[in-house]
C-alpha atoms as a PDB file:
ATOM      1  CA  MET A   1      90.161 107.801  74.609  1.00  0.00           C
ATOM      2  CA  ALA A   2      89.669 107.992  78.356  1.00  0.00           C
ATOM      3  CA  ARG A   3      92.586 107.375  80.673  1.00  0.00           C
ATOM      4  CA  ARG A   4      92.560 104.292  82.863  1.00  0.00           C
ATOM      5  CA  TRP A   5      91.503 104.592  86.484  1.00  0.00           C
ATOM      6  CA  THR A   6      95.043 103.641  87.491  1.00  0.00           C
ATOM      7  CA  TYR A   7      96.425 106.872  86.010  1.00  0.00           C
ATOM      8  CA  THR A   8      95.780 108.812  89.227  1.00  0.00           C
ATOM      9  CA  GLU A   9      97.671 110.530  91.998  1.00  0.00           C
ATOM     10  CA  VAL A  10      96.342 107.957  94.483  1.00  0.00           C
ATOM     11  CA  ASN A  11      97.803 105.062  92.507  1.00  0.00           C
ATOM     12  CA  ALA A  12     101.072 106.960  92.004  1.00  0.00           C
ATOM     13  CA  SER A  13     101.419 107.619  95.730  1.00  0.00           C
ATOM     14  CA  ARG A  14     100.899 103.913  96.431  1.00  0.00           C
ATOM     15  CA  TRP A  15     103.870 102.945  94.238  1.00  0.00           C
ATOM     16  CA  ARG A  16     106.122 105.979  94.706  1.00  0.00           C
ATOM     17  CA  HIS A  17     108.158 104.364  97.497  1.00  0.00           C
ATOM     18  CA  VAL A  18     108.970 101.495  95.112  1.00  0.00           C
ATOM     19  CA  PHE A  19     110.375 103.904  92.537  1.00  0.00           C
ATOM     20  CA  ASP A  20     112.311 105.698  95.280  1.00  0.00           C
ATOM     21  CA  ASP A  21     113.894 102.368  96.283  1.00  0.00           C
ATOM     22  CA  LEU A  22     114.927 101.682  92.688  1.00  0.00           C
ATOM     23  CA  LEU A  23     116.343 105.191  92.334  1.00  0.00           C
ATOM     24  CA  GLY A  24     118.196 104.664  95.622  1.00  0.00           C
ATOM     25  CA  GLY A  25     120.127 101.693  94.276  1.00  0.00           C
ATOM     26  CA  THR A  26     117.979  98.639  94.984  1.00  0.00           C
ATOM     27  CA  PRO A  27     118.814  96.286  92.089  1.00  0.00           C
ATOM     28  CA  ALA A  28     115.402  94.588  91.805  1.00  0.00           C
ATOM     29  CA  LEU A  29     112.088  94.344  93.612  1.00  0.00           C
ATOM     30  CA  GLU A  30     109.570  91.535  93.435  1.00  0.00           C
ATOM     31  CA  PHE A  31     105.822  91.795  94.002  1.00  0.00           C
ATOM     32  CA  PRO A  32     103.634  88.730  94.442  1.00  0.00           C
ATOM     33  CA  LEU A  33     100.390  88.642  92.544  1.00  0.00           C
ATOM     34  CA  GLU A  34      98.441  87.747  95.660  1.00  0.00           C
ATOM     35  CA  GLY A  35      97.037  90.910  97.205  1.00  0.00           C
ATOM     36  CA  ASN A  36      98.259  93.143  94.374  1.00  0.00           C
ATOM     37  CA  GLY A  37      96.043  92.396  91.395  1.00  0.00           C
ATOM     38  CA  LYS A  38      94.019  89.922  89.412  1.00  0.00           C
ATOM     39  CA  SER A  39      96.784  89.165  86.931  1.00  0.00           C
ATOM     40  CA  LEU A  40     100.417  89.977  86.332  1.00  0.00           C
ATOM     41  CA  CYS A  41      99.306  92.104  83.402  1.00  0.00           C
ATOM     42  CA  SER A  42      96.994  94.233  85.557  1.00  0.00           C
ATOM     43  CA  LEU A  43      99.727  94.609  88.174  1.00  0.00           C
ATOM     44  CA  ARG A  44     102.162  95.781  85.486  1.00  0.00           C
ATOM     45  CA  ILE A  45      99.583  98.297  84.239  1.00  0.00           C
ATOM     46  CA  ARG A  46      99.073  99.706  87.745  1.00  0.00           C
ATOM     47  CA  ILE A  47     102.797 100.182  88.244  1.00  0.00           C
ATOM     48  CA  SER A  48     103.356 101.599  84.749  1.00  0.00           C
ATOM     49  CA  ASP A  49     100.483 104.058  85.096  1.00  0.00           C
ATOM     50  CA  ALA A  50     101.809 105.216  88.472  1.00  0.00           C
ATOM     51  CA  LEU A  51     105.220 105.952  86.990  1.00  0.00           C
ATOM     52  CA  LYS A  52     103.648 107.640  83.956  1.00  0.00           C
ATOM     53  CA  TRP A  53     101.598 109.914  86.222  1.00  0.00           C
ATOM     54  CA  LEU A  54     104.728 110.928  88.162  1.00  0.00           C
ATOM     55  CA  ALA A  55     106.724 111.497  84.961  1.00  0.00           C
ATOM     56  CA  ASP A  56     103.913 113.576  83.481  1.00  0.00           C
ATOM     57  CA  GLN A  57     104.070 115.861  86.521  1.00  0.00           C
ATOM     58  CA  PHE A  58     107.643 116.719  85.513  1.00  0.00           C
ATOM     59  CA  ARG A  59     106.502 117.480  81.978  1.00  0.00           C
ATOM     60  CA  ALA A  60     103.788 119.708  83.456  1.00  0.00           C
ATOM     61  CA  GLY A  61     106.441 121.853  85.148  1.00  0.00           C
ATOM     62  CA  ASN A  62     107.266 120.196  88.468  1.00  0.00           C
ATOM     63  CA  PRO A  63     111.090 119.907  88.503  1.00  0.00           C
ATOM     64  CA  SER A  64     111.126 117.641  91.587  1.00  0.00           C
ATOM     65  CA  MET A  65     109.624 114.838  89.486  1.00  0.00           C
ATOM     66  CA  GLU A  66     112.577 114.646  87.068  1.00  0.00           C
ATOM     67  CA  PRO A  67     114.005 111.419  88.569  1.00  0.00           C
ATOM     68  CA  TYR A  68     110.721 109.625  87.791  1.00  0.00           C
ATOM     69  CA  ALA A  69     110.745 110.910  84.217  1.00  0.00           C
ATOM     70  CA  ARG A  70     114.272 109.516  83.756  1.00  0.00           C
ATOM     71  CA  LEU A  71     113.311 106.251  85.461  1.00  0.00           C
ATOM     72  CA  ARG A  72     110.424 105.676  83.092  1.00  0.00           C
ATOM     73  CA  GLY A  73     112.616 104.634  80.177  1.00  0.00           C
ATOM     74  CA  ARG A  74     114.838 102.407  82.302  1.00  0.00           C
ATOM     75  CA  LEU A  75     112.261 100.326  84.196  1.00  0.00           C
ATOM     76  CA  ARG A  76     111.928  96.704  83.106  1.00  0.00           C
ATOM     77  CA  PHE A  77     109.420  94.047  84.106  1.00  0.00           C
ATOM     78  CA  THR A  78     109.950  90.298  84.247  1.00  0.00           C
ATOM     79  CA  THR A  79     107.869  87.504  85.704  1.00  0.00           C
ATOM     80  CA  HIS A  80     109.058  85.106  88.329  1.00  0.00           C
ATOM     81  CA  GLY A  81     106.439  82.462  89.007  1.00  0.00           C
ATOM     82  CA  ALA A  82     103.365  84.251  90.325  1.00  0.00           C
ATOM     83  CA  ALA A  83     105.277  87.461  90.938  1.00  0.00           C
ATOM     84  CA  LEU A  84     106.307  90.507  88.962  1.00  0.00           C
ATOM     85  CA  ARG A  85     109.929  91.608  89.210  1.00  0.00           C
ATOM     86  CA  LEU A  86     110.949  95.224  88.615  1.00  0.00           C
ATOM     87  CA  HIS A  87     114.518  96.086  87.753  1.00  0.00           C
ATOM     88  CA  LEU A  88     116.401  98.826  85.976  1.00  0.00           C
ATOM     89  CA  LYS A  89     117.991  98.544  82.575  1.00  0.00           C
ATOM     90  CA  ARG A  90     121.695  98.840  83.212  1.00  0.00           C
ATOM     91  CA  PRO A  91     123.967 100.741  80.838  1.00  0.00           C
ATOM     92  CA  HIS A  92     126.349  98.647  78.778  1.00  0.00           C
ATOM     93  CA  ALA A  93     129.902  98.414  80.071  1.00  0.00           C
END
């Protein structure tokens, strides 16, 4: 099965600053559908594929990509009207 066109370094570089913000402590980020995709589903796929590409670079031997590999399992998506909200799964108290 061929990988999607969104699983690329170009797509990953477009979203990398978002992941850096989340890793830096930003509790949640919201992205409107307008200007970012045709549907919330396609927007989620773009963001997920970008994070997967970055995490796979760690698995390929690039130790500087470890934070993205750890972030991959913690990232959650919710919808808010015509926007997609990204937030991190918080550990239980």
